[in-house]
N, C-alpha and C. Protein backbone atom coordinates (compact mmCIF):
# COMPACT_ATOMS: atom_id res chain seq x y z
N MET A 1 21.56 -0.31 1.49
CA MET A 1 20.65 0.84 1.63
C MET A 1 19.45 0.63 0.73
N LEU A 2 18.29 0.94 1.34
CA LEU A 2 17.03 0.91 0.57
C LEU A 2 16.69 2.35 0.25
N LYS A 3 16.81 2.68 -1.03
CA LYS A 3 16.62 4.07 -1.49
C LYS A 3 15.15 4.32 -1.64
N ILE A 4 14.65 5.40 -0.95
CA ILE A 4 13.28 5.79 -1.01
C ILE A 4 13.07 6.92 -2.02
N SER A 5 13.91 7.94 -1.89
CA SER A 5 13.91 9.07 -2.85
C SER A 5 15.37 9.55 -3.01
N ASN A 6 15.54 10.70 -3.69
CA ASN A 6 16.88 11.25 -3.92
C ASN A 6 17.56 11.54 -2.62
N LYS A 7 16.76 12.00 -1.62
CA LYS A 7 17.34 12.47 -0.35
C LYS A 7 17.22 11.45 0.75
N THR A 8 16.34 10.49 0.63
CA THR A 8 16.03 9.58 1.74
C THR A 8 16.42 8.13 1.38
N ALA A 9 17.10 7.52 2.34
CA ALA A 9 17.41 6.09 2.22
C ALA A 9 17.47 5.51 3.60
N ILE A 10 17.21 4.19 3.64
CA ILE A 10 17.25 3.42 4.91
C ILE A 10 18.34 2.41 4.89
N PRO A 11 19.18 2.38 5.91
CA PRO A 11 20.16 1.28 5.99
C PRO A 11 19.51 -0.03 6.22
N LEU A 12 20.01 -1.06 5.58
CA LEU A 12 19.37 -2.35 5.76
C LEU A 12 19.48 -2.95 7.16
N THR A 13 20.34 -2.33 8.02
CA THR A 13 20.45 -2.79 9.39
C THR A 13 19.22 -2.43 10.19
N GLU A 14 18.44 -1.41 9.74
CA GLU A 14 17.20 -1.07 10.47
C GLU A 14 16.06 -1.92 10.08
N ILE A 15 16.18 -2.78 9.09
CA ILE A 15 15.12 -3.64 8.61
C ILE A 15 15.42 -5.08 9.12
N ASP A 16 14.47 -5.62 9.82
CA ASP A 16 14.66 -6.98 10.34
C ASP A 16 13.93 -7.95 9.45
N MET A 17 14.69 -8.90 8.81
CA MET A 17 14.11 -9.88 7.95
C MET A 17 14.46 -11.28 8.41
N SER A 18 13.45 -12.10 8.46
CA SER A 18 13.64 -13.50 8.90
C SER A 18 12.93 -14.42 7.91
N ALA A 19 13.56 -15.60 7.70
CA ALA A 19 12.93 -16.56 6.77
C ALA A 19 12.07 -17.50 7.55
N MET A 20 10.93 -17.90 6.94
CA MET A 20 10.04 -18.89 7.57
C MET A 20 9.41 -19.69 6.46
N ARG A 21 8.71 -20.72 6.85
CA ARG A 21 8.01 -21.57 5.87
C ARG A 21 6.77 -20.86 5.33
N ALA A 22 6.56 -20.96 4.04
CA ALA A 22 5.43 -20.30 3.41
C ALA A 22 4.17 -21.08 3.70
N GLN A 23 3.01 -20.45 3.55
CA GLN A 23 1.74 -21.14 3.72
C GLN A 23 1.18 -21.49 2.35
N GLY A 24 0.10 -22.34 2.37
CA GLY A 24 -0.61 -22.56 1.10
C GLY A 24 -0.01 -23.72 0.30
N SER A 25 -0.41 -23.76 -0.99
CA SER A 25 -0.02 -24.89 -1.81
C SER A 25 1.43 -24.78 -2.23
N GLY A 26 2.02 -25.84 -2.67
CA GLY A 26 3.39 -25.88 -3.04
C GLY A 26 3.99 -27.24 -2.78
N GLY A 27 3.22 -28.12 -2.23
CA GLY A 27 3.68 -29.50 -2.02
C GLY A 27 4.82 -29.62 -1.05
N GLN A 28 5.71 -30.51 -1.32
CA GLN A 28 6.83 -30.88 -0.42
C GLN A 28 7.78 -29.69 -0.26
N ASN A 29 7.93 -28.89 -1.30
CA ASN A 29 8.82 -27.74 -1.20
C ASN A 29 8.43 -26.76 -0.06
N VAL A 30 7.12 -26.53 0.09
CA VAL A 30 6.65 -25.62 1.16
C VAL A 30 6.92 -26.23 2.51
N ASN A 31 6.84 -27.54 2.61
CA ASN A 31 7.06 -28.16 3.93
C ASN A 31 8.48 -28.23 4.32
N LYS A 32 9.37 -28.25 3.36
CA LYS A 32 10.83 -28.41 3.67
C LYS A 32 11.60 -27.09 3.75
N VAL A 33 11.30 -26.14 2.82
CA VAL A 33 12.13 -24.99 2.64
C VAL A 33 11.56 -23.71 3.29
N SER A 34 12.36 -22.96 3.97
CA SER A 34 11.96 -21.68 4.50
C SER A 34 12.12 -20.58 3.47
N SER A 35 11.14 -20.42 2.64
CA SER A 35 11.29 -19.51 1.50
C SER A 35 10.58 -18.13 1.70
N ALA A 36 9.64 -18.14 2.65
CA ALA A 36 8.89 -16.89 2.90
C ALA A 36 9.74 -15.97 3.74
N ILE A 37 9.54 -14.67 3.52
CA ILE A 37 10.26 -13.63 4.35
C ILE A 37 9.32 -12.84 5.17
N HIS A 38 9.66 -12.68 6.42
CA HIS A 38 8.91 -11.89 7.34
C HIS A 38 9.72 -10.65 7.67
N LEU A 39 9.24 -9.46 7.15
CA LEU A 39 10.01 -8.24 7.27
C LEU A 39 9.31 -7.38 8.36
N ARG A 40 10.21 -6.79 9.27
CA ARG A 40 9.67 -5.89 10.28
C ARG A 40 10.57 -4.64 10.22
N PHE A 41 9.87 -3.49 10.29
CA PHE A 41 10.59 -2.17 10.21
C PHE A 41 9.95 -1.27 11.23
N ASP A 42 10.74 -0.90 12.25
CA ASP A 42 10.23 -0.02 13.36
C ASP A 42 10.37 1.40 12.86
N ILE A 43 9.18 2.06 12.68
CA ILE A 43 9.20 3.40 12.23
C ILE A 43 9.84 4.38 13.20
N ARG A 44 9.43 4.25 14.44
CA ARG A 44 9.91 5.21 15.50
C ARG A 44 11.41 5.18 15.67
N ALA A 45 11.99 3.94 15.59
CA ALA A 45 13.45 3.79 15.87
C ALA A 45 14.28 4.02 14.61
N SER A 46 13.63 4.35 13.47
CA SER A 46 14.39 4.47 12.21
C SER A 46 15.06 5.81 12.08
N SER A 47 15.86 5.91 11.04
CA SER A 47 16.55 7.20 10.77
C SER A 47 15.83 8.00 9.75
N LEU A 48 14.54 7.78 9.55
CA LEU A 48 13.73 8.57 8.64
C LEU A 48 13.48 9.99 9.21
N PRO A 49 13.27 10.99 8.29
CA PRO A 49 12.93 12.32 8.78
C PRO A 49 11.69 12.31 9.63
N GLU A 50 11.61 13.16 10.61
CA GLU A 50 10.49 13.16 11.54
C GLU A 50 9.17 13.35 10.89
N GLU A 51 9.11 14.21 9.85
CA GLU A 51 7.87 14.46 9.16
C GLU A 51 7.35 13.22 8.44
N LEU A 52 8.23 12.45 7.86
CA LEU A 52 7.84 11.16 7.20
C LEU A 52 7.38 10.18 8.20
N LYS A 53 8.10 10.10 9.37
CA LYS A 53 7.63 9.18 10.41
C LYS A 53 6.21 9.46 10.86
N GLN A 54 5.87 10.77 11.03
CA GLN A 54 4.53 11.13 11.48
C GLN A 54 3.51 10.78 10.40
N ARG A 55 3.83 11.01 9.15
CA ARG A 55 2.87 10.63 8.06
C ARG A 55 2.64 9.12 8.00
N LEU A 56 3.70 8.33 8.16
CA LEU A 56 3.58 6.86 8.23
C LEU A 56 2.69 6.41 9.40
N LEU A 57 2.90 6.97 10.54
CA LEU A 57 2.15 6.58 11.75
C LEU A 57 0.68 6.98 11.61
N ARG A 58 0.39 8.04 10.81
CA ARG A 58 -1.02 8.49 10.60
C ARG A 58 -1.75 7.63 9.58
N LEU A 59 -1.02 6.88 8.75
CA LEU A 59 -1.66 6.02 7.74
C LEU A 59 -2.55 4.97 8.40
N SER A 60 -3.66 4.70 7.75
CA SER A 60 -4.50 3.63 8.25
C SER A 60 -4.27 2.41 7.38
N ASP A 61 -3.09 1.88 7.53
CA ASP A 61 -2.66 0.71 6.78
C ASP A 61 -2.55 -0.44 7.69
N GLN A 62 -3.13 -1.62 7.27
CA GLN A 62 -3.15 -2.79 8.14
C GLN A 62 -1.80 -3.41 8.36
N ARG A 63 -0.79 -3.01 7.54
CA ARG A 63 0.56 -3.54 7.72
C ARG A 63 1.31 -2.80 8.82
N ILE A 64 0.77 -1.71 9.34
CA ILE A 64 1.46 -0.96 10.43
C ILE A 64 0.74 -1.26 11.71
N THR A 65 1.45 -1.73 12.72
CA THR A 65 0.88 -2.12 14.01
C THR A 65 0.68 -0.87 14.82
N ALA A 66 0.00 -1.06 15.99
CA ALA A 66 -0.26 0.06 16.88
C ALA A 66 1.06 0.60 17.49
N GLU A 67 2.07 -0.27 17.59
CA GLU A 67 3.36 0.17 18.11
C GLU A 67 4.23 0.91 17.10
N GLY A 68 3.71 0.99 15.85
CA GLY A 68 4.53 1.72 14.80
C GLY A 68 5.50 0.82 14.09
N VAL A 69 5.22 -0.44 13.96
CA VAL A 69 6.09 -1.39 13.24
C VAL A 69 5.41 -1.85 11.94
N VAL A 70 6.11 -1.72 10.87
CA VAL A 70 5.62 -2.21 9.57
C VAL A 70 5.93 -3.69 9.51
N VAL A 71 4.90 -4.55 9.26
CA VAL A 71 5.09 -5.96 9.10
C VAL A 71 4.62 -6.38 7.69
N ILE A 72 5.58 -6.96 7.00
CA ILE A 72 5.28 -7.38 5.63
C ILE A 72 5.70 -8.90 5.47
N LYS A 73 4.77 -9.69 5.04
CA LYS A 73 5.10 -11.11 4.78
C LYS A 73 5.08 -11.36 3.30
N ALA A 74 6.21 -11.80 2.76
CA ALA A 74 6.37 -12.01 1.32
C ALA A 74 6.54 -13.56 1.06
N GLN A 75 5.56 -14.14 0.40
CA GLN A 75 5.62 -15.56 0.11
C GLN A 75 5.10 -15.89 -1.28
N ARG A 76 5.21 -14.86 -2.19
CA ARG A 76 4.67 -15.04 -3.51
C ARG A 76 5.51 -15.94 -4.39
N PHE A 77 6.84 -15.93 -4.11
CA PHE A 77 7.77 -16.64 -5.04
C PHE A 77 8.26 -17.93 -4.31
N ARG A 78 8.92 -18.81 -5.11
CA ARG A 78 9.41 -20.04 -4.59
C ARG A 78 10.78 -19.91 -3.92
N THR A 79 11.53 -18.82 -4.28
CA THR A 79 12.89 -18.68 -3.70
C THR A 79 12.88 -17.55 -2.69
N GLN A 80 13.81 -17.76 -1.72
CA GLN A 80 13.93 -16.84 -0.64
C GLN A 80 14.44 -15.46 -1.17
N GLU A 81 15.34 -15.48 -2.15
CA GLU A 81 15.89 -14.22 -2.63
C GLU A 81 14.83 -13.38 -3.29
N LYS A 82 13.96 -14.00 -4.10
CA LYS A 82 12.91 -13.24 -4.77
C LYS A 82 11.92 -12.69 -3.75
N ASN A 83 11.62 -13.48 -2.75
CA ASN A 83 10.67 -13.03 -1.69
C ASN A 83 11.31 -11.90 -0.92
N ARG A 84 12.61 -11.91 -0.66
CA ARG A 84 13.32 -10.82 0.04
C ARG A 84 13.24 -9.52 -0.83
N GLU A 85 13.44 -9.64 -2.10
CA GLU A 85 13.39 -8.49 -2.98
C GLU A 85 11.92 -7.97 -3.04
N ASP A 86 10.93 -8.86 -3.05
CA ASP A 86 9.53 -8.45 -3.08
C ASP A 86 9.17 -7.70 -1.78
N ALA A 87 9.60 -8.20 -0.63
CA ALA A 87 9.33 -7.56 0.62
C ALA A 87 9.93 -6.16 0.69
N LEU A 88 11.16 -6.05 0.21
CA LEU A 88 11.82 -4.71 0.24
C LEU A 88 11.14 -3.74 -0.71
N GLU A 89 10.72 -4.27 -1.85
CA GLU A 89 10.04 -3.43 -2.81
C GLU A 89 8.67 -2.93 -2.30
N ARG A 90 7.99 -3.81 -1.60
CA ARG A 90 6.70 -3.42 -0.99
C ARG A 90 6.86 -2.40 0.13
N LEU A 91 7.92 -2.47 0.88
CA LEU A 91 8.30 -1.49 1.89
C LEU A 91 8.63 -0.18 1.23
N ARG A 92 9.38 -0.22 0.13
CA ARG A 92 9.73 0.98 -0.59
C ARG A 92 8.51 1.69 -1.11
N THR A 93 7.56 0.94 -1.65
CA THR A 93 6.37 1.51 -2.17
C THR A 93 5.54 2.16 -1.11
N LEU A 94 5.46 1.50 0.02
CA LEU A 94 4.72 2.11 1.16
C LEU A 94 5.33 3.45 1.60
N LEU A 95 6.70 3.43 1.76
CA LEU A 95 7.38 4.63 2.20
C LEU A 95 7.27 5.77 1.14
N GLN A 96 7.35 5.43 -0.15
CA GLN A 96 7.25 6.42 -1.21
C GLN A 96 5.87 7.04 -1.24
N GLY A 97 4.83 6.21 -0.99
CA GLY A 97 3.49 6.72 -0.93
C GLY A 97 3.31 7.69 0.19
N ALA A 98 3.92 7.46 1.36
CA ALA A 98 3.80 8.39 2.51
C ALA A 98 4.62 9.63 2.28
N ALA A 99 5.71 9.48 1.54
CA ALA A 99 6.58 10.65 1.29
C ALA A 99 5.98 11.66 0.32
N ARG A 100 5.06 11.16 -0.53
CA ARG A 100 4.48 12.04 -1.54
C ARG A 100 3.43 12.99 -0.86
N ARG A 101 3.59 14.24 -1.13
CA ARG A 101 2.67 15.24 -0.51
C ARG A 101 1.50 15.45 -1.44
N GLN A 102 0.31 15.49 -0.82
CA GLN A 102 -0.96 15.72 -1.52
C GLN A 102 -1.07 17.18 -1.93
N LYS A 103 -1.44 17.47 -3.10
CA LYS A 103 -1.67 18.88 -3.49
C LYS A 103 -2.93 19.38 -2.79
N LYS A 104 -2.84 20.64 -2.38
CA LYS A 104 -3.95 21.22 -1.68
C LYS A 104 -5.02 21.52 -2.72
N ARG A 105 -6.23 21.15 -2.47
CA ARG A 105 -7.35 21.33 -3.39
C ARG A 105 -7.75 22.79 -3.38
N VAL A 106 -7.88 23.34 -4.63
CA VAL A 106 -8.33 24.69 -4.75
C VAL A 106 -9.82 24.64 -5.13
N PRO A 107 -10.70 25.09 -4.21
CA PRO A 107 -12.14 24.98 -4.49
C PRO A 107 -12.52 25.97 -5.62
N THR A 108 -13.32 25.47 -6.55
CA THR A 108 -13.79 26.27 -7.64
C THR A 108 -15.26 26.42 -7.61
N LYS A 109 -15.81 27.42 -8.37
CA LYS A 109 -17.25 27.60 -8.50
C LYS A 109 -17.68 27.39 -9.96
N PRO A 110 -18.93 26.94 -10.12
CA PRO A 110 -19.34 26.75 -11.51
C PRO A 110 -19.51 28.10 -12.19
N THR A 111 -19.25 28.16 -13.50
CA THR A 111 -19.36 29.41 -14.21
C THR A 111 -20.85 29.76 -14.46
N ARG A 112 -21.12 31.03 -14.78
CA ARG A 112 -22.48 31.49 -14.97
C ARG A 112 -23.13 30.71 -16.18
N GLY A 113 -22.33 30.51 -17.20
CA GLY A 113 -22.86 29.78 -18.36
C GLY A 113 -23.25 28.39 -18.02
N SER A 114 -22.45 27.68 -17.19
CA SER A 114 -22.77 26.33 -16.85
C SER A 114 -24.05 26.26 -15.98
N LYS A 115 -24.27 27.22 -15.09
CA LYS A 115 -25.46 27.38 -14.31
C LYS A 115 -26.65 27.53 -15.23
N GLU A 116 -26.53 28.41 -16.21
CA GLU A 116 -27.60 28.67 -17.10
C GLU A 116 -27.99 27.45 -17.88
N ARG A 117 -26.97 26.77 -18.43
CA ARG A 117 -27.22 25.49 -19.21
C ARG A 117 -27.98 24.49 -18.33
N ARG A 118 -27.48 24.31 -17.10
CA ARG A 118 -28.17 23.37 -16.20
C ARG A 118 -29.57 23.70 -15.95
N LEU A 119 -29.88 24.99 -15.69
CA LEU A 119 -31.30 25.35 -15.44
C LEU A 119 -32.09 25.22 -16.67
N LYS A 120 -31.55 25.50 -17.90
CA LYS A 120 -32.29 25.34 -19.12
C LYS A 120 -32.68 23.88 -19.36
N LYS A 121 -31.66 23.03 -19.09
CA LYS A 121 -31.98 21.57 -19.23
C LYS A 121 -33.05 21.07 -18.27
N LYS A 122 -33.00 21.65 -17.04
CA LYS A 122 -34.02 21.27 -16.04
C LYS A 122 -35.41 21.66 -16.52
N THR A 123 -35.54 22.89 -17.10
CA THR A 123 -36.87 23.33 -17.56
C THR A 123 -37.31 22.46 -18.70
N GLN A 124 -36.41 22.14 -19.62
CA GLN A 124 -36.77 21.32 -20.81
C GLN A 124 -37.25 19.97 -20.36
N ARG A 125 -36.52 19.35 -19.37
CA ARG A 125 -36.90 18.10 -18.83
C ARG A 125 -38.26 18.12 -18.11
N GLY A 126 -38.50 19.23 -17.40
CA GLY A 126 -39.78 19.38 -16.80
C GLY A 126 -40.98 19.45 -17.75
N GLN A 127 -40.72 20.16 -18.88
CA GLN A 127 -41.70 20.26 -19.96
C GLN A 127 -42.00 18.90 -20.56
N VAL A 128 -40.97 18.10 -20.80
CA VAL A 128 -41.18 16.78 -21.33
C VAL A 128 -42.01 15.93 -20.39
N LYS A 129 -41.79 16.03 -19.13
CA LYS A 129 -42.54 15.25 -18.12
C LYS A 129 -43.98 15.76 -18.02
N ALA A 130 -44.16 17.08 -18.18
CA ALA A 130 -45.50 17.64 -18.12
C ALA A 130 -46.39 17.15 -19.29
N LEU A 131 -45.74 16.95 -20.44
CA LEU A 131 -46.45 16.49 -21.59
C LEU A 131 -46.91 15.00 -21.53
N ARG A 132 -46.35 14.31 -20.53
CA ARG A 132 -46.72 12.86 -20.41
C ARG A 132 -48.04 12.68 -19.70
N GLY A 133 -48.58 13.78 -19.14
CA GLY A 133 -49.83 13.63 -18.37
C GLY A 133 -51.07 13.29 -19.22
N LYS A 134 -52.23 13.22 -18.55
CA LYS A 134 -53.45 12.92 -19.26
C LYS A 134 -53.84 14.16 -20.14
N VAL A 135 -54.49 13.80 -21.26
CA VAL A 135 -54.88 14.84 -22.19
C VAL A 135 -56.26 15.34 -21.74
N ARG A 136 -56.40 16.66 -21.57
CA ARG A 136 -57.66 17.22 -21.16
C ARG A 136 -58.41 17.74 -22.38
N GLU A 137 -59.78 17.70 -22.30
CA GLU A 137 -60.54 18.14 -23.46
C GLU A 137 -60.85 19.62 -23.33
């Protein structure tokens, strides 16, 4: 089980992980060993709460395809086990971010004192600029 929060968890059977060869430098090890992990998680077919599914599908994240599948490729480490843990942790972070509700912004207005201070500074600045002009006789 991949634990997202106190109430939400995903069974590992819903997460499809396959090993493949990593890209980039690494010499002979990269060419021989399938250490990278390709993780796929279908949001629509998962057991997540409906509200969380909708939030995930509304995210503009490049890891989520148009079909609603999260695709994560982990190849940071040399071992398959560490890459598997890294991929699961990145999925957990994505799901926790979508599960967090944004606080509703309460619009505020500037106080009367702050308005007066702003206008006073504007007048002072204008006077400084006026004194920079040519001197008349």
